[in-house]
Protein backbone atom coordinates (compact mmCIF):
# COMPACT_ATOMS: atom_id res chain seq x y z
CA MET A 1 0.15 0.08 -0.17
CA ASN A 2 0.97 3.42 -0.68
CA SER A 3 2.10 5.80 2.02
CA ILE A 4 1.94 9.52 1.75
CA PRO A 5 3.83 11.89 4.47
CA LEU A 6 0.97 14.58 5.87
CA PRO A 7 2.37 17.57 6.96
CA MET A 8 -0.12 18.44 9.37
CA LEU A 9 0.08 15.06 11.33
CA ASP A 10 4.09 14.96 10.64
CA GLN A 11 3.69 11.43 10.20
CA PRO A 12 3.16 9.35 7.01
CA ILE A 13 -0.09 7.70 6.88
CA ASP A 14 -1.35 4.71 4.44
CA LEU A 15 -4.00 5.18 1.89
CA GLY A 16 -7.20 3.11 2.85
CA VAL A 17 -6.44 3.06 6.14
CA PRO A 18 -8.62 5.21 8.39
CA LEU A 19 -7.14 7.33 11.08
CA PRO A 20 -8.36 6.69 14.77
CA ALA A 21 -11.33 8.14 15.76
CA HIS A 22 -11.25 11.49 18.27
CA GLU A 23 -12.38 10.21 21.93
CA GLU A 24 -14.92 13.11 21.54
CA ASP A 25 -16.36 11.93 18.39
CA PRO A 26 -19.90 11.47 18.59
CA TYR A 27 -20.16 9.35 15.63
CA GLU A 28 -23.11 11.12 14.41
CA LEU A 29 -23.38 12.58 10.67
CA VAL A 30 -24.67 16.41 11.07
CA GLY A 31 -24.92 18.25 7.75
CA MET A 32 -25.44 21.92 7.36
CA VAL A 33 -25.97 24.48 4.94
CA ILE A 34 -23.23 27.20 5.00
CA PRO A 35 -23.38 30.58 2.75
CA GLY A 36 -20.32 30.28 0.71
CA ALA A 37 -18.10 32.83 -0.85
CA GLU A 38 -16.18 33.18 -4.17
CA GLY A 39 -13.83 30.25 -4.64
CA GLN A 40 -15.44 27.62 -1.92
CA THR A 41 -16.93 25.53 -4.38
CA GLU A 42 -13.23 24.88 -5.68
CA ALA A 43 -11.88 24.51 -2.31
CA MET A 44 -14.80 22.09 -1.12
CA ALA A 45 -14.46 19.83 -4.44
CA GLN A 46 -10.78 19.74 -3.47
CA ALA A 47 -11.11 18.95 0.06
CA LEU A 48 -13.35 16.18 -0.99
CA ILE A 49 -11.19 14.57 -3.38
CA GLU A 50 -8.47 14.74 -1.27
CA GLU A 51 -10.32 12.96 1.40
CA PHE A 52 -11.19 9.85 -1.13
CA ILE A 53 -7.88 9.85 -2.19
CA LEU A 54 -6.73 9.20 1.29
CA LEU A 55 -9.47 6.41 1.56
CA GLY A 56 -7.50 4.76 -1.57
CA TRP A 57 -9.56 6.08 -4.32
CA LYS A 58 -8.35 6.27 -7.81
CA GLU A 59 -8.95 8.91 -10.16
CA LYS A 60 -12.13 6.82 -12.07
CA GLN A 61 -13.52 6.19 -8.76
CA LEU A 62 -13.10 9.87 -7.79
CA MET A 63 -15.26 11.01 -10.85
CA THR A 64 -18.40 9.11 -10.00
CA LEU A 65 -18.56 11.36 -6.89
CA PHE A 66 -19.29 14.24 -9.11
CA THR A 67 -21.49 12.32 -11.96
CA SER A 68 -23.82 10.44 -9.86
CA PRO A 69 -26.36 12.34 -8.68
CA LEU A 70 -26.74 10.60 -5.46
CA TYR A 71 -23.96 12.72 -4.32
CA LEU A 72 -25.98 16.03 -4.31
CA GLY A 73 -22.96 18.54 -3.34
CA THR A 74 -20.50 17.30 -5.65
CA HIS A 75 -22.91 16.34 -8.58
CA ARG A 76 -23.77 19.91 -8.26
CA ILE A 77 -20.17 21.16 -8.79
CA TYR A 78 -20.27 18.61 -11.81
CA GLN A 79 -23.30 20.40 -13.02
CA GLU A 80 -22.12 23.82 -13.05
CA LYS A 81 -18.38 23.34 -13.97
CA GLY A 82 -18.58 20.74 -16.26
CA ALA A 83 -16.86 17.59 -16.59
CA ALA A 84 -13.72 18.51 -18.22
CA TRP A 85 -12.86 21.23 -15.18
CA VAL A 86 -13.98 18.03 -12.61
CA GLN A 87 -11.27 15.68 -14.53
CA ALA A 88 -9.00 18.74 -14.44
CA LEU A 89 -9.22 19.03 -10.94
CA ILE A 90 -9.24 15.41 -9.77
CA HIS A 91 -5.95 15.09 -12.10
CA ASP A 92 -4.28 18.11 -10.18
CA VAL A 93 -5.13 16.97 -6.87
CA TYR A 94 -4.20 13.55 -7.63
CA THR A 95 -0.90 14.95 -8.78
CA GLN A 96 -0.05 17.02 -5.84
CA TRP A 97 -0.22 14.35 -3.69
CA GLY A 98 2.80 12.83 -5.33
CA LEU A 99 0.19 9.90 -6.93
CA HIS A 100 0.50 8.68 -10.44
CA SER A 101 -2.38 8.37 -12.60
CA SER A 102 -4.11 5.06 -12.86
CA PRO A 103 -7.08 3.88 -14.77
CA LYS A 104 -9.49 2.18 -11.97
């Protein structure tokens, strides 16, 4: 399995291996609508892509987060920005993490 050094944790982390939960985490999913400013859509998309990269997802899998209407937030970005923009962002973030493109 690939390992990526995470500067914010000052340690390497293995892809696909979840971090231990914080002891105060209530293990409850909480969703909120937060008013956005210019550029926040792009930042949110990048953060989501990074999260799934850490779970071991490949570029093709990441694209399904945006193309599937089951994922409302990412699908809205896909509709607003278009397939080419999403594919380029996925590729750029994947490259920023020092990973090579993969078909799966």
